[in-house]
PDB file of N, CA and C in Angstrom:
ATOM      1  N   MET A   1       1.286  -2.389  21.002  1.00  0.00           N
ATOM      2  CA  MET A   1       2.155  -2.335  19.841  1.00  0.00           C
ATOM      3  C   MET A   1       2.795  -0.944  19.806  1.00  0.00           C
ATOM      4  N   SER A   2       4.103  -0.882  19.617  1.00  0.00           N
ATOM      5  CA  SER A   2       4.799   0.394  19.564  1.00  0.00           C
ATOM      6  C   SER A   2       4.578   1.063  18.204  1.00  0.00           C
ATOM      7  N   ILE A   3       4.950   2.324  18.109  1.00  0.00           N
ATOM      8  CA  ILE A   3       4.772   3.051  16.845  1.00  0.00           C
ATOM      9  C   ILE A   3       5.641   2.438  15.750  1.00  0.00           C
ATOM     10  N   ILE A   4       6.896   2.147  16.069  1.00  0.00           N
ATOM     11  CA  ILE A   4       7.788   1.526  15.075  1.00  0.00           C
ATOM     12  C   ILE A   4       7.259   0.146  14.691  1.00  0.00           C
ATOM     13  N   GLY A   5       6.810  -0.613  15.677  1.00  0.00           N
ATOM     14  CA  GLY A   5       6.233  -1.936  15.413  1.00  0.00           C
ATOM     15  C   GLY A   5       4.997  -1.844  14.543  1.00  0.00           C
ATOM     16  N   SER A   6       4.174  -0.810  14.788  1.00  0.00           N
ATOM     17  CA  SER A   6       2.965  -0.604  13.976  1.00  0.00           C
ATOM     18  C   SER A   6       3.321  -0.293  12.533  1.00  0.00           C
ATOM     19  N   ILE A   7       4.337   0.518  12.330  1.00  0.00           N
ATOM     20  CA  ILE A   7       4.750   0.870  10.967  1.00  0.00           C
ATOM     21  C   ILE A   7       5.295  -0.358  10.240  1.00  0.00           C
ATOM     22  N   ILE A   8       6.150  -1.120  10.916  1.00  0.00           N
ATOM     23  CA  ILE A   8       6.709  -2.315  10.286  1.00  0.00           C
ATOM     24  C   ILE A   8       5.610  -3.337   9.998  1.00  0.00           C
ATOM     25  N   ALA A   9       4.731  -3.564  10.980  1.00  0.00           N
ATOM     26  CA  ALA A   9       3.615  -4.489  10.769  1.00  0.00           C
ATOM     27  C   ALA A   9       2.716  -3.988   9.651  1.00  0.00           C
ATOM     28  N   GLY A  10       2.487  -2.669   9.598  1.00  0.00           N
ATOM     29  CA  GLY A  10       1.637  -2.096   8.551  1.00  0.00           C
ATOM     30  C   GLY A  10       2.209  -2.284   7.165  1.00  0.00           C
ATOM     31  N   ILE A  11       3.514  -2.154   7.043  1.00  0.00           N
ATOM     32  CA  ILE A  11       4.154  -2.383   5.738  1.00  0.00           C
ATOM     33  C   ILE A  11       3.941  -3.832   5.309  1.00  0.00           C
ATOM     34  N   ILE A  12       4.211  -4.750   6.225  1.00  0.00           N
ATOM     35  CA  ILE A  12       4.068  -6.175   5.908  1.00  0.00           C
ATOM     36  C   ILE A  12       2.616  -6.515   5.607  1.00  0.00           C
ATOM     37  N   VAL A  13       1.707  -6.075   6.465  1.00  0.00           N
ATOM     38  CA  VAL A  13       0.283  -6.379   6.292  1.00  0.00           C
ATOM     39  C   VAL A  13      -0.253  -5.761   5.009  1.00  0.00           C
ATOM     40  N   GLY A  14       0.105  -4.507   4.727  1.00  0.00           N
ATOM     41  CA  GLY A  14      -0.368  -3.836   3.508  1.00  0.00           C
ATOM     42  C   GLY A  14       0.101  -4.539   2.249  1.00  0.00           C
ATOM     43  N   ILE A  15       1.361  -4.952   2.227  1.00  0.00           N
ATOM     44  CA  ILE A  15       1.891  -5.649   1.050  1.00  0.00           C
ATOM     45  C   ILE A  15       1.208  -6.999   0.871  1.00  0.00           C
ATOM     46  N   ILE A  16       1.061  -7.756   1.957  1.00  0.00           N
ATOM     47  CA  ILE A  16       0.405  -9.063   1.859  1.00  0.00           C
ATOM     48  C   ILE A  16      -1.050  -8.891   1.428  1.00  0.00           C
ATOM     49  N   ALA A  17      -1.733  -7.884   1.975  1.00  0.00           N
ATOM     50  CA  ALA A  17      -3.134  -7.645   1.608  1.00  0.00           C
ATOM     51  C   ALA A  17      -3.260  -7.364   0.111  1.00  0.00           C
ATOM     52  N   ARG A  18      -2.336  -6.580  -0.433  1.00  0.00           N
ATOM     53  CA  ARG A  18      -2.387  -6.307  -1.872  1.00  0.00           C
ATOM     54  C   ARG A  18      -2.091  -7.557  -2.691  1.00  0.00           C
ATOM     55  N   LEU A  19      -1.215  -8.412  -2.177  1.00  0.00           N
ATOM     56  CA  LEU A  19      -0.879  -9.638  -2.898  1.00  0.00           C
ATOM     57  C   LEU A  19      -2.036 -10.634  -2.931  1.00  0.00           C
ATOM     58  N   VAL A  20      -2.844 -10.678  -1.878  1.00  0.00           N
ATOM     59  CA  VAL A  20      -3.955 -11.635  -1.847  1.00  0.00           C
ATOM     60  C   VAL A  20      -5.182 -11.129  -2.598  1.00  0.00           C
ATOM     61  N   LEU A  21      -5.253  -9.832  -2.852  1.00  0.00           N
ATOM     62  CA  LEU A  21      -6.374  -9.295  -3.617  1.00  0.00           C
ATOM     63  C   LEU A  21      -6.176  -9.593  -5.107  1.00  0.00           C
ATOM     64  N   PRO A  22      -7.247 -10.025  -5.784  1.00  0.00           N
ATOM     65  CA  PRO A  22      -7.105 -10.308  -7.211  1.00  0.00           C
ATOM     66  C   PRO A  22      -6.957  -9.030  -8.032  1.00  0.00           C
ATOM     67  N   GLY A  23      -6.255  -9.139  -9.123  1.00  0.00           N
ATOM     68  CA  GLY A  23      -6.100  -8.004 -10.029  1.00  0.00           C
ATOM     69  C   GLY A  23      -5.106  -6.984  -9.515  1.00  0.00           C
ATOM     70  N   ARG A  24      -5.106  -5.867 -10.193  1.00  0.00           N
ATOM     71  CA  ARG A  24      -4.173  -4.791  -9.870  1.00  0.00           C
ATOM     72  C   ARG A  24      -4.937  -3.695  -9.142  1.00  0.00           C
ATOM     73  N   GLN A  25      -4.382  -3.218  -8.039  1.00  0.00           N
ATOM     74  CA  GLN A  25      -5.027  -2.166  -7.272  1.00  0.00           C
ATOM     75  C   GLN A  25      -4.460  -0.802  -7.679  1.00  0.00           C
ATOM     76  N   ALA A  26      -5.373   0.132  -7.882  1.00  0.00           N
ATOM     77  CA  ALA A  26      -4.971   1.495  -8.246  1.00  0.00           C
ATOM     78  C   ALA A  26      -4.776   2.304  -6.971  1.00  0.00           C
ATOM     79  N   ILE A  27      -3.709   1.974  -6.243  1.00  0.00           N
ATOM     80  CA  ILE A  27      -3.444   2.609  -4.959  1.00  0.00           C
ATOM     81  C   ILE A  27      -1.933   2.714  -4.798  1.00  0.00           C
ATOM     82  N   GLY A  28      -1.481   3.835  -4.277  1.00  0.00           N
ATOM     83  CA  GLY A  28      -0.047   4.053  -4.113  1.00  0.00           C
ATOM     84  C   GLY A  28       0.521   3.321  -2.909  1.00  0.00           C
ATOM     85  N   TRP A  29       1.848   3.284  -2.852  1.00  0.00           N
ATOM     86  CA  TRP A  29       2.515   2.576  -1.766  1.00  0.00           C
ATOM     87  C   TRP A  29       2.325   3.249  -0.419  1.00  0.00           C
ATOM     88  N   VAL A  30       2.287   4.564  -0.400  1.00  0.00           N
ATOM     89  CA  VAL A  30       2.092   5.271   0.873  1.00  0.00           C
ATOM     90  C   VAL A  30       0.723   4.929   1.455  1.00  0.00           C
ATOM     91  N   MET A  31      -0.302   4.947   0.614  1.00  0.00           N
ATOM     92  CA  MET A  31      -1.642   4.605   1.089  1.00  0.00           C
ATOM     93  C   MET A  31      -1.721   3.132   1.458  1.00  0.00           C
ATOM     94  N   THR A  32      -0.990   2.276   0.752  1.00  0.00           N
ATOM     95  CA  THR A  32      -0.927   0.863   1.112  1.00  0.00           C
ATOM     96  C   THR A  32      -0.383   0.705   2.531  1.00  0.00           C
ATOM     97  N   ILE A  33       0.676   1.448   2.840  1.00  0.00           N
ATOM     98  CA  ILE A  33       1.274   1.375   4.177  1.00  0.00           C
ATOM     99  C   ILE A  33       0.326   1.935   5.228  1.00  0.00           C
ATOM    100  N   VAL A  34      -0.315   3.057   4.930  1.00  0.00           N
ATOM    101  CA  VAL A  34      -1.254   3.661   5.883  1.00  0.00           C
ATOM    102  C   VAL A  34      -2.407   2.699   6.171  1.00  0.00           C
ATOM    103  N   LEU A  35      -2.992   2.126   5.113  1.00  0.00           N
ATOM    104  CA  LEU A  35      -4.093   1.184   5.304  1.00  0.00           C
ATOM    105  C   LEU A  35      -3.604  -0.114   5.944  1.00  0.00           C
ATOM    106  N   GLY A  36      -2.370  -0.495   5.668  1.00  0.00           N
ATOM    107  CA  GLY A  36      -1.779  -1.656   6.328  1.00  0.00           C
ATOM    108  C   GLY A  36      -1.612  -1.427   7.824  1.00  0.00           C
ATOM    109  N   ILE A  37      -1.180  -0.226   8.199  1.00  0.00           N
ATOM    110  CA  ILE A  37      -1.045   0.111   9.621  1.00  0.00           C
ATOM    111  C   ILE A  37      -2.412   0.069  10.302  1.00  0.00           C
ATOM    112  N   LEU A  38      -3.403   0.680   9.661  1.00  0.00           N
ATOM    113  CA  LEU A  38      -4.762   0.646  10.221  1.00  0.00           C
ATOM    114  C   LEU A  38      -5.273  -0.791  10.322  1.00  0.00           C
ATOM    115  N   GLY A  39      -5.031  -1.579   9.280  1.00  0.00           N
ATOM    116  CA  GLY A  39      -5.452  -2.979   9.293  1.00  0.00           C
ATOM    117  C   GLY A  39      -4.776  -3.760  10.403  1.00  0.00           C
ATOM    118  N   ALA A  40      -3.485  -3.514  10.608  1.00  0.00           N
ATOM    119  CA  ALA A  40      -2.751  -4.208  11.666  1.00  0.00           C
ATOM    120  C   ALA A  40      -3.292  -3.834  13.039  1.00  0.00           C
ATOM    121  N   ILE A  41      -3.506  -2.557  13.269  1.00  0.00           N
ATOM    122  CA  ILE A  41      -4.010  -2.103  14.576  1.00  0.00           C
ATOM    123  C   ILE A  41      -5.417  -2.645  14.827  1.00  0.00           C
ATOM    124  N   ILE A  42      -6.303  -2.507  13.838  1.00  0.00           N
ATOM    125  CA  ILE A  42      -7.674  -2.998  14.001  1.00  0.00           C
ATOM    126  C   ILE A  42      -7.681  -4.519  14.148  1.00  0.00           C
ATOM    127  N   GLY A  43      -6.887  -5.208  13.344  1.00  0.00           N
ATOM    128  CA  GLY A  43      -6.814  -6.670  13.418  1.00  0.00           C
ATOM    129  C   GLY A  43      -6.334  -7.160  14.768  1.00  0.00           C
ATOM    130  N   TRP A  44      -5.338  -6.479  15.340  1.00  0.00           N
ATOM    131  CA  TRP A  44      -4.811  -6.881  16.646  1.00  0.00           C
ATOM    132  C   TRP A  44      -5.850  -6.631  17.736  1.00  0.00           C
ATOM    133  N   PHE A  45      -6.555  -5.498  17.674  1.00  0.00           N
ATOM    134  CA  PHE A  45      -7.602  -5.240  18.659  1.00  0.00           C
ATOM    135  C   PHE A  45      -8.761  -6.221  18.502  1.00  0.00           C
ATOM    136  N   LEU A  46      -9.121  -6.524  17.264  1.00  0.00           N
ATOM    137  CA  LEU A  46     -10.192  -7.478  16.989  1.00  0.00           C
ATOM    138  C   LEU A  46      -9.832  -8.858  17.525  1.00  0.00           C
ATOM    139  N   ALA A  47      -8.610  -9.286  17.310  1.00  0.00           N
ATOM    140  CA  ALA A  47      -8.154 -10.580  17.820  1.00  0.00           C
ATOM    141  C   ALA A  47      -8.218 -10.600  19.347  1.00  0.00           C
ATOM    142  N   GLY A  48      -7.805  -9.514  19.970  1.00  0.00           N
ATOM    143  CA  GLY A  48      -7.887  -9.424  21.426  1.00  0.00           C
ATOM    144  C   GLY A  48      -9.320  -9.499  21.919  1.00  0.00           C
ATOM    145  N   ALA A  49     -10.228  -8.828  21.198  1.00  0.00           N
ATOM    146  CA  ALA A  49     -11.639  -8.854  21.573  1.00  0.00           C
ATOM    147  C   ALA A  49     -12.237 -10.247  21.414  1.00  0.00           C
ATOM    148  N   LEU A  50     -11.696 -11.027  20.484  1.00  0.00           N
ATOM    149  CA  LEU A  50     -12.162 -12.392  20.267  1.00  0.00           C
ATOM    150  C   LEU A  50     -11.512 -13.380  21.230  1.00  0.00           C
ATOM    151  N   GLY A  51     -10.626 -12.898  22.088  1.00  0.00           N
ATOM    152  CA  GLY A  51     -10.009 -13.739  23.089  1.00  0.00           C
ATOM    153  C   GLY A  51      -8.710 -14.394  22.673  1.00  0.00           C
ATOM    154  N   VAL A  52      -8.103 -13.943  21.591  1.00  0.00           N
ATOM    155  CA  VAL A  52      -6.829 -14.497  21.157  1.00  0.00           C
ATOM    156  C   VAL A  52      -5.751 -14.007  22.108  1.00  0.00           C
ATOM    157  N   GLU A  53      -5.050 -14.929  22.723  1.00  0.00           N
ATOM    158  CA  GLU A  53      -4.002 -14.594  23.681  1.00  0.00           C
ATOM    159  C   GLU A  53      -2.667 -14.432  22.960  1.00  0.00           C
ATOM    160  N   SER A  54      -1.803 -13.604  23.501  1.00  0.00           N
ATOM    161  CA  SER A  54      -0.451 -13.471  22.960  1.00  0.00           C
ATOM    162  C   SER A  54       0.323 -14.744  23.259  1.00  0.00           C
ATOM    163  N   THR A  55       1.133 -15.147  22.319  1.00  0.00           N
ATOM    164  CA  THR A  55       1.942 -16.347  22.494  1.00  0.00           C
ATOM    165  C   THR A  55       3.414 -15.984  22.377  1.00  0.00           C
ATOM    166  N   SER A  56       4.263 -16.932  22.720  1.00  0.00           N
ATOM    167  CA  SER A  56       5.695 -16.675  22.584  1.00  0.00           C
ATOM    168  C   SER A  56       6.139 -16.802  21.131  1.00  0.00           C
ATOM    169  N   GLY A  57       5.317 -17.414  20.308  1.00  0.00           N
ATOM    170  CA  GLY A  57       5.629 -17.569  18.886  1.00  0.00           C
ATOM    171  C   GLY A  57       4.881 -16.552  18.055  1.00  0.00           C
ATOM    172  N   VAL A  58       4.650 -16.886  16.807  1.00  0.00           N
ATOM    173  CA  VAL A  58       3.929 -16.013  15.885  1.00  0.00           C
ATOM    174  C   VAL A  58       2.431 -16.140  16.160  1.00  0.00           C
ATOM    175  N   ASP A  59       1.766 -15.020  16.321  1.00  0.00           N
ATOM    176  CA  ASP A  59       0.316 -15.007  16.512  1.00  0.00           C
ATOM    177  C   ASP A  59      -0.366 -15.015  15.148  1.00  0.00           C
ATOM    178  N   TRP A  60      -0.494 -16.189  14.559  1.00  0.00           N
ATOM    179  CA  TRP A  60      -1.021 -16.308  13.196  1.00  0.00           C
ATOM    180  C   TRP A  60      -2.420 -15.738  13.060  1.00  0.00           C
ATOM    181  N   ILE A  61      -3.260 -15.957  14.057  1.00  0.00           N
ATOM    182  CA  ILE A  61      -4.636 -15.458  13.981  1.00  0.00           C
ATOM    183  C   ILE A  61      -4.636 -13.935  13.914  1.00  0.00           C
ATOM    184  N   ARG A  62      -3.801 -13.291  14.714  1.00  0.00           N
ATOM    185  CA  ARG A  62      -3.713 -11.820  14.677  1.00  0.00           C
ATOM    186  C   ARG A  62      -3.245 -11.336  13.310  1.00  0.00           C
ATOM    187  N   TRP A  63      -2.232 -11.992  12.745  1.00  0.00           N
ATOM    188  CA  TRP A  63      -1.714 -11.586  11.438  1.00  0.00           C
ATOM    189  C   TRP A  63      -2.759 -11.804  10.345  1.00  0.00           C
ATOM    190  N   ILE A  64      -3.442 -12.936  10.377  1.00  0.00           N
ATOM    191  CA  ILE A  64      -4.457 -13.221   9.360  1.00  0.00           C
ATOM    192  C   ILE A  64      -5.595 -12.213   9.445  1.00  0.00           C
ATOM    193  N   LEU A  65      -6.065 -11.930  10.658  1.00  0.00           N
ATOM    194  CA  LEU A  65      -7.117 -10.924  10.820  1.00  0.00           C
ATOM    195  C   LEU A  65      -6.646  -9.554  10.337  1.00  0.00           C
ATOM    196  N   SER A  66      -5.402  -9.211  10.611  1.00  0.00           N
ATOM    197  CA  SER A  66      -4.857  -7.917  10.174  1.00  0.00           C
ATOM    198  C   SER A  66      -4.839  -7.811   8.652  1.00  0.00           C
ATOM    199  N   VAL A  67      -4.433  -8.879   7.978  1.00  0.00           N
ATOM    200  CA  VAL A  67      -4.391  -8.879   6.511  1.00  0.00           C
ATOM    201  C   VAL A  67      -5.807  -8.770   5.950  1.00  0.00           C
ATOM    202  N   ILE A  68      -6.749  -9.493   6.542  1.00  0.00           N
ATOM    203  CA  ILE A  68      -8.142  -9.424   6.075  1.00  0.00           C
ATOM    204  C   ILE A  68      -8.686  -8.009   6.229  1.00  0.00           C
ATOM    205  N   VAL A  69      -8.453  -7.399   7.391  1.00  0.00           N
ATOM    206  CA  VAL A  69      -8.932  -6.030   7.626  1.00  0.00           C
ATOM    207  C   VAL A  69      -8.270  -5.060   6.645  1.00  0.00           C
ATOM    208  N   ALA A  70      -6.965  -5.194   6.431  1.00  0.00           N
ATOM    209  CA  ALA A  70      -6.263  -4.310   5.494  1.00  0.00           C
ATOM    210  C   ALA A  70      -6.790  -4.491   4.071  1.00  0.00           C
ATOM    211  N   ALA A  71      -7.065  -5.725   3.664  1.00  0.00           N
ATOM    212  CA  ALA A  71      -7.611  -5.972   2.324  1.00  0.00           C
ATOM    213  C   ALA A  71      -8.979  -5.306   2.176  1.00  0.00           C
ATOM    214  N   ILE A  72      -9.799  -5.407   3.209  1.00  0.00           N
ATOM    215  CA  ILE A  72     -11.112  -4.747   3.180  1.00  0.00           C
ATOM    216  C   ILE A  72     -10.940  -3.230   3.091  1.00  0.00           C
ATOM    217  N   LEU A  73      -9.998  -2.686   3.843  1.00  0.00           N
ATOM    218  CA  LEU A  73      -9.748  -1.237   3.790  1.00  0.00           C
ATOM    219  C   LEU A  73      -9.254  -0.807   2.412  1.00  0.00           C
ATOM    220  N   ILE A  74      -8.396  -1.609   1.781  1.00  0.00           N
ATOM    221  CA  ILE A  74      -7.881  -1.277   0.448  1.00  0.00           C
ATOM    222  C   ILE A  74      -9.013  -1.285  -0.573  1.00  0.00           C
ATOM    223  N   VAL A  75      -9.852  -2.312  -0.536  1.00  0.00           N
ATOM    224  CA  VAL A  75     -10.989  -2.379  -1.464  1.00  0.00           C
ATOM    225  C   VAL A  75     -11.933  -1.205  -1.218  1.00  0.00           C
ATOM    226  N   GLY A  76     -12.208  -0.913   0.052  1.00  0.00           N
ATOM    227  CA  GLY A  76     -13.079   0.214   0.383  1.00  0.00           C
ATOM    228  C   GLY A  76     -12.506   1.536  -0.088  1.00  0.00           C
ATOM    229  N   TYR A  77     -11.202   1.716   0.095  1.00  0.00           N
ATOM    230  CA  TYR A  77     -10.545   2.949  -0.353  1.00  0.00           C
ATOM    231  C   TYR A  77     -10.635   3.088  -1.873  1.00  0.00           C
ATOM    232  N   GLU A  78     -10.391   2.001  -2.581  1.00  0.00           N
ATOM    233  CA  GLU A  78     -10.472   2.048  -4.046  1.00  0.00           C
ATOM    234  C   GLU A  78     -11.878   2.399  -4.517  1.00  0.00           C
ATOM    235  N   ARG A  79     -12.866   1.792  -3.912  1.00  0.00           N
ATOM    236  CA  ARG A  79     -14.256   2.078  -4.312  1.00  0.00           C
ATOM    237  C   ARG A  79     -14.649   3.509  -3.968  1.00  0.00           C
ATOM    238  N   PHE A  80     -14.205   3.998  -2.812  1.00  0.00           N
ATOM    239  CA  PHE A  80     -14.517   5.357  -2.394  1.00  0.00           C
ATOM    240  C   PHE A  80     -13.880   6.375  -3.335  1.00  0.00           C
ATOM    241  N   THR A  81     -12.612   6.174  -3.670  1.00  0.00           N
ATOM    242  CA  THR A  81     -11.930   7.122  -4.551  1.00  0.00           C
ATOM    243  C   THR A  81     -12.412   7.018  -5.989  1.00  0.00           C
ATOM    244  N   ALA A  82     -12.875   5.837  -6.395  1.00  0.00           N
ATOM    245  CA  ALA A  82     -13.407   5.686  -7.759  1.00  0.00           C
ATOM    246  C   ALA A  82     -14.715   6.453  -7.903  1.00  0.00           C
ATOM    247  N   ARG A  83     -15.550   6.445  -6.867  1.00  0.00           N
ATOM    248  CA  ARG A  83     -16.812   7.179  -6.906  1.00  0.00           C
ATOM    249  C   ARG A  83     -16.589   8.674  -6.897  1.00  0.00           C
ATOM    250  N   LYS A  84     -15.587   9.096  -6.162  1.00  0.00           N
ATOM    251  CA  LYS A  84     -15.297  10.523  -6.050  1.00  0.00           C
ATOM    252  C   LYS A  84     -14.584  11.060  -7.282  1.00  0.00           C
ATOM    253  N   GLY A  85     -14.052  10.148  -8.101  1.00  0.00           N
ATOM    254  CA  GLY A  85     -13.315  10.586  -9.278  1.00  0.00           C
ATOM    255  C   GLY A  85     -11.929  11.079  -8.960  1.00  0.00           C
ATOM    256  N   VAL A  86     -11.377  10.640  -7.851  1.00  0.00           N
ATOM    257  CA  VAL A  86     -10.033  11.050  -7.461  1.00  0.00           C
ATOM    258  C   VAL A  86      -9.019  10.318  -8.326  1.00  0.00           C
ATOM    259  N   SER A  87      -8.085  11.068  -8.880  1.00  0.00           N
ATOM    260  CA  SER A  87      -7.055  10.436  -9.685  1.00  0.00           C
ATOM    261  C   SER A  87      -5.926   9.984  -8.777  1.00  0.00           C
ATOM    262  N   HIS A  88      -5.269   8.874  -9.137  1.00  0.00           N
ATOM    263  CA  HIS A  88      -4.212   8.305  -8.297  1.00  0.00           C
ATOM    264  C   HIS A  88      -2.885   8.743  -8.805  1.00  0.00           C
TER     265      HIS A  88
END
């Protein structure tokens, strides 16, 4: 995945991850994009490790795994910053 592709995928994955999470997340858009990028990269590597092959169409399994990973990262970030008392 290229750097530009990672950023674009991260934006999409981060936004979708926030949409599937219940309630309102106390997290800014920049951090959403950063965690979305991490989720996309980890999700794509995880899919590869599970044997998901690249296709000529949309790799739904890779995208779904990326969104799940990003959602977990967003929840983890919120819990970590809430314990630390970091203001958003």
